[in-house]
Amino acid sequence: MKTLTLIRHAKSSWKESMLQDMDRPLNRRGQANAAMMGERLHSLLKNNIPKKIYSSPAVRAEETAYLMSDSLRVSARAIELIPSLYTFNYEELLEWVRGLSRDEGDVFLVCHNPAITELFNILTLSNLEKIPTCGIAVLELDVVDWRQVGAGMARVKHYDFPKNNMPTNNSTPKNDSTR
C-alpha cells in the first residue's frame, strides 16, 4: 500500500506584477493557511509523519512546503525541490510519481493547478473541478511499486482545504470552487 498526499500550494501574491511566475511568493493569507493546513494534517496523521516532502521549486510552492513541514514537525531538510514538479501538466506529474523508488511508501507532493487536480481526477476517476489553494488530498494506492500507478487506482483517504469546516475522510470530495 502506498500513500500519495497531493498538496496544492497556498494562495500566492500578485502584488509585484513584474515577478516571473516562478518567483511569486505567498501572500499573508497563504502563509496562514499553509501553517493551519499543516496543523490539520499533523492531527490527522499523528505518528505517520512524512520522511520527505517533494515540492515544485516555485517560491509559492517552496514556502508552502516549509510552512507545512514546520507544522508537521518535519525537518526542513526533508524538503526536496524537484524542478520537474513545476508543471501544469498532470501527465508529467504522473510520470514523476511512477519514477519513485519502490521503497518509498508515503509521498507528499506540493504542486500546481491544473496538474494536481487533473492527477487527482485521473487517479480517483473523479470529476473535481479544482483543488483549492492549500487543498490537501491524501490518496491510498493498492500497489507495491509506484510504476503500477494509473487511472482509477486511488482511494481518497482524506480531503481538506482552508475554507472547509468539515474535512472528509474515506470519501470523494464534493466540487468546491473556492480559491
Protein backbone atom coordinates (compact mmCIF):
# COMPACT_ATOMS: atom_id res chain seq x y z
CA MET A 1 0.00 0.00 0.00
CA LYS A 2 1.32 3.42 -0.99
CA THR A 3 0.04 6.81 0.15
CA LEU A 4 0.23 9.87 -2.07
CA THR A 5 -0.57 13.22 -0.46
CA LEU A 6 -1.29 15.91 -3.03
CA ILE A 7 -0.95 19.48 -1.75
CA ARG A 8 -1.74 22.49 -3.87
CA HIS A 9 0.45 25.45 -2.96
CA ALA A 10 -1.18 28.12 -0.78
CA LYS A 11 -2.52 31.47 -2.01
CA SER A 12 0.18 33.49 -3.75
CA SER A 13 0.72 37.20 -4.01
CA TRP A 14 0.19 39.11 -7.23
CA LYS A 15 1.36 42.38 -5.64
CA GLU A 16 4.54 42.64 -7.71
CA SER A 17 3.32 42.33 -11.28
CA MET A 18 6.86 42.24 -12.71
CA LEU A 19 7.78 39.00 -10.95
CA GLN A 20 8.15 35.86 -13.04
CA ASP A 21 5.61 33.14 -12.24
CA MET A 22 8.33 31.05 -10.53
CA ASP A 23 9.15 33.92 -8.18
CA ARG A 24 5.69 34.76 -6.82
CA PRO A 25 5.65 34.37 -3.00
CA LEU A 26 2.72 33.52 -0.75
CA ASN A 27 0.51 36.33 0.44
CA ARG A 28 -0.39 36.67 4.15
CA ARG A 29 -3.49 34.52 3.82
CA GLY A 30 -1.45 31.85 2.04
CA GLN A 31 1.13 31.82 4.81
CA ALA A 32 -1.55 31.46 7.50
CA ASN A 33 -3.39 28.76 5.52
CA ALA A 34 -0.24 26.71 4.94
CA ALA A 35 0.53 26.67 8.67
CA MET A 36 -3.11 25.87 9.54
CA MET A 37 -3.38 23.06 6.99
CA GLY A 38 -0.08 21.63 8.22
CA GLU A 39 -1.57 21.50 11.73
CA ARG A 40 -4.73 19.83 10.44
CA LEU A 41 -2.64 17.29 8.58
CA HIS A 42 -0.48 16.69 11.66
CA SER A 43 -3.61 15.95 13.72
CA LEU A 44 -4.81 13.54 11.07
CA LEU A 45 -1.52 11.71 10.55
CA LYS A 46 -0.45 11.55 14.19
CA ASN A 47 2.62 9.27 14.07
CA ASN A 48 2.60 8.69 10.31
CA ILE A 49 4.52 11.86 9.51
CA PRO A 50 6.34 12.00 6.15
CA LYS A 51 10.06 11.47 5.90
CA LYS A 52 10.20 13.58 2.76
CA ILE A 53 8.21 16.36 1.13
CA TYR A 54 8.74 16.87 -2.60
CA SER A 55 7.99 20.35 -3.87
CA SER A 56 7.99 22.38 -7.02
CA PRO A 57 10.81 24.93 -6.83
CA ALA A 58 8.38 27.82 -7.45
CA VAL A 59 8.63 30.20 -4.48
CA ARG A 60 4.95 29.83 -3.53
CA ALA A 61 5.21 26.01 -3.50
CA GLU A 62 8.51 26.02 -1.64
CA GLU A 63 7.13 28.40 1.01
CA THR A 64 4.05 26.19 1.38
CA ALA A 65 6.27 23.13 1.86
CA TYR A 66 8.40 24.86 4.51
CA LEU A 67 5.42 26.22 6.45
CA MET A 68 3.70 22.84 6.37
CA SER A 69 6.86 20.99 7.38
CA ASP A 70 7.10 23.25 10.41
CA SER A 71 3.51 22.44 11.41
CA LEU A 72 4.08 18.75 10.71
CA ARG A 73 7.21 18.84 12.91
CA VAL A 74 9.30 17.64 9.99
CA SER A 75 12.80 18.96 9.48
CA ALA A 76 13.24 21.46 6.67
CA ARG A 77 15.99 19.11 5.43
CA ALA A 78 13.18 16.68 4.49
CA ILE A 79 12.05 19.04 1.72
CA GLU A 80 13.39 18.29 -1.72
CA LEU A 81 12.80 20.76 -4.54
CA ILE A 82 12.20 18.95 -7.82
CA PRO A 83 12.34 21.11 -10.99
CA SER A 84 10.04 18.74 -12.91
CA LEU A 85 7.28 19.33 -10.33
CA TYR A 86 6.96 22.88 -11.64
CA THR A 87 4.44 21.78 -14.21
CA PHE A 88 0.81 22.37 -15.05
CA ASN A 89 0.53 19.03 -16.87
CA TYR A 90 -0.79 16.04 -14.91
CA GLU A 91 0.92 13.55 -17.25
CA GLU A 92 4.31 14.94 -16.24
CA LEU A 93 3.36 14.62 -12.55
CA LEU A 94 2.16 11.06 -13.08
CA GLU A 95 5.37 10.17 -14.89
CA TRP A 96 7.40 11.59 -11.99
CA VAL A 97 5.33 9.61 -9.45
CA ARG A 98 5.85 6.42 -11.46
CA GLY A 99 9.61 7.03 -11.23
CA LEU A 100 9.66 6.98 -7.43
CA SER A 101 11.65 4.31 -5.64
CA ARG A 102 9.68 1.21 -4.72
CA ASP A 103 10.91 1.71 -1.13
CA GLU A 104 9.02 4.97 -0.71
CA GLY A 105 5.66 4.36 0.94
CA ASP A 106 4.28 7.79 1.85
CA VAL A 107 4.91 10.61 -0.61
CA PHE A 108 3.98 14.27 -0.21
CA LEU A 109 3.85 16.48 -3.31
CA VAL A 110 3.45 20.26 -3.26
CA CYS A 111 2.47 21.30 -6.78
CA HIS A 112 0.33 23.48 -9.03
CA ASN A 113 -3.04 23.50 -10.72
CA PRO A 114 -4.39 22.35 -13.06
CA ALA A 115 -1.92 19.42 -12.91
CA ILE A 116 -2.63 18.47 -9.31
CA THR A 117 -6.43 18.45 -9.76
CA GLU A 118 -6.19 16.53 -13.02
CA LEU A 119 -3.85 13.97 -11.41
CA PHE A 120 -6.34 13.59 -8.55
CA ASN A 121 -9.20 13.12 -11.03
CA ILE A 122 -7.32 10.51 -13.09
CA LEU A 123 -6.16 8.50 -10.08
CA THR A 124 -9.58 8.52 -8.38
CA LEU A 125 -11.78 8.62 -11.51
CA SER A 126 -13.41 11.75 -10.06
CA ASN A 127 -14.56 14.97 -11.63
CA LEU A 128 -13.41 17.51 -9.07
CA GLU A 129 -13.45 20.99 -10.58
CA LYS A 130 -10.45 22.35 -8.71
CA ILE A 131 -8.44 21.58 -5.60
CA PRO A 132 -8.46 24.98 -3.84
CA THR A 133 -5.22 26.71 -2.91
CA CYS A 134 -3.62 24.86 0.01
CA GLY A 135 -6.02 21.97 -0.54
CA ILE A 136 -4.86 18.53 0.53
CA ALA A 137 -5.87 15.13 -0.82
CA VAL A 138 -4.49 12.00 0.84
CA LEU A 139 -4.79 9.08 -1.56
CA GLU A 140 -4.25 5.38 -0.87
CA LEU A 141 -3.00 3.22 -3.71
CA ASP A 142 -3.05 -0.56 -3.51
CA VAL A 143 0.24 -1.05 -5.36
CA VAL A 144 3.66 -2.35 -4.36
CA ASP A 145 5.57 -0.29 -6.90
CA TRP A 146 4.98 3.29 -8.00
CA ARG A 147 5.41 2.17 -11.62
CA GLN A 148 1.99 0.49 -11.30
CA VAL A 149 0.11 3.72 -10.55
CA GLY A 150 -2.61 4.53 -13.06
CA ALA A 151 -6.18 5.63 -13.66
CA GLY A 152 -8.70 4.68 -11.01
CA MET A 153 -6.16 3.13 -8.67
CA ALA A 154 -6.51 5.57 -5.76
CA ARG A 155 -8.98 5.81 -2.93
CA VAL A 156 -9.49 9.15 -1.17
CA LYS A 157 -8.48 8.73 2.45
CA HIS A 158 -8.74 12.41 3.36
CA TYR A 159 -9.61 15.66 1.60
CA ASP A 160 -9.43 19.12 3.12
CA PHE A 161 -8.91 22.77 2.22
CA PRO A 162 -8.68 26.01 4.23
CA LYS A 163 -12.33 27.11 3.96
CA ASN A 164 -13.61 23.63 4.77
CA ASN A 165 -15.32 23.34 8.13
CA MET A 166 -15.76 19.58 7.86
CA PRO A 167 -12.84 17.66 6.30
CA THR A 168 -13.90 14.43 4.61
CA ASN A 169 -12.46 11.03 5.38
CA ASN A 170 -12.87 7.97 3.19
CA SER A 171 -14.96 9.73 0.57
CA THR A 172 -14.64 11.53 -2.70
CA PRO A 173 -14.70 15.31 -2.21
CA LYS A 174 -17.54 17.39 -3.48
CA ASN A 175 -16.79 20.01 -6.09
CA ASP A 176 -15.55 23.18 -4.46
CA SER A 177 -14.88 26.32 -6.40
CA THR A 178 -13.35 28.39 -3.58
CA ARG A 179 -9.99 29.83 -4.47
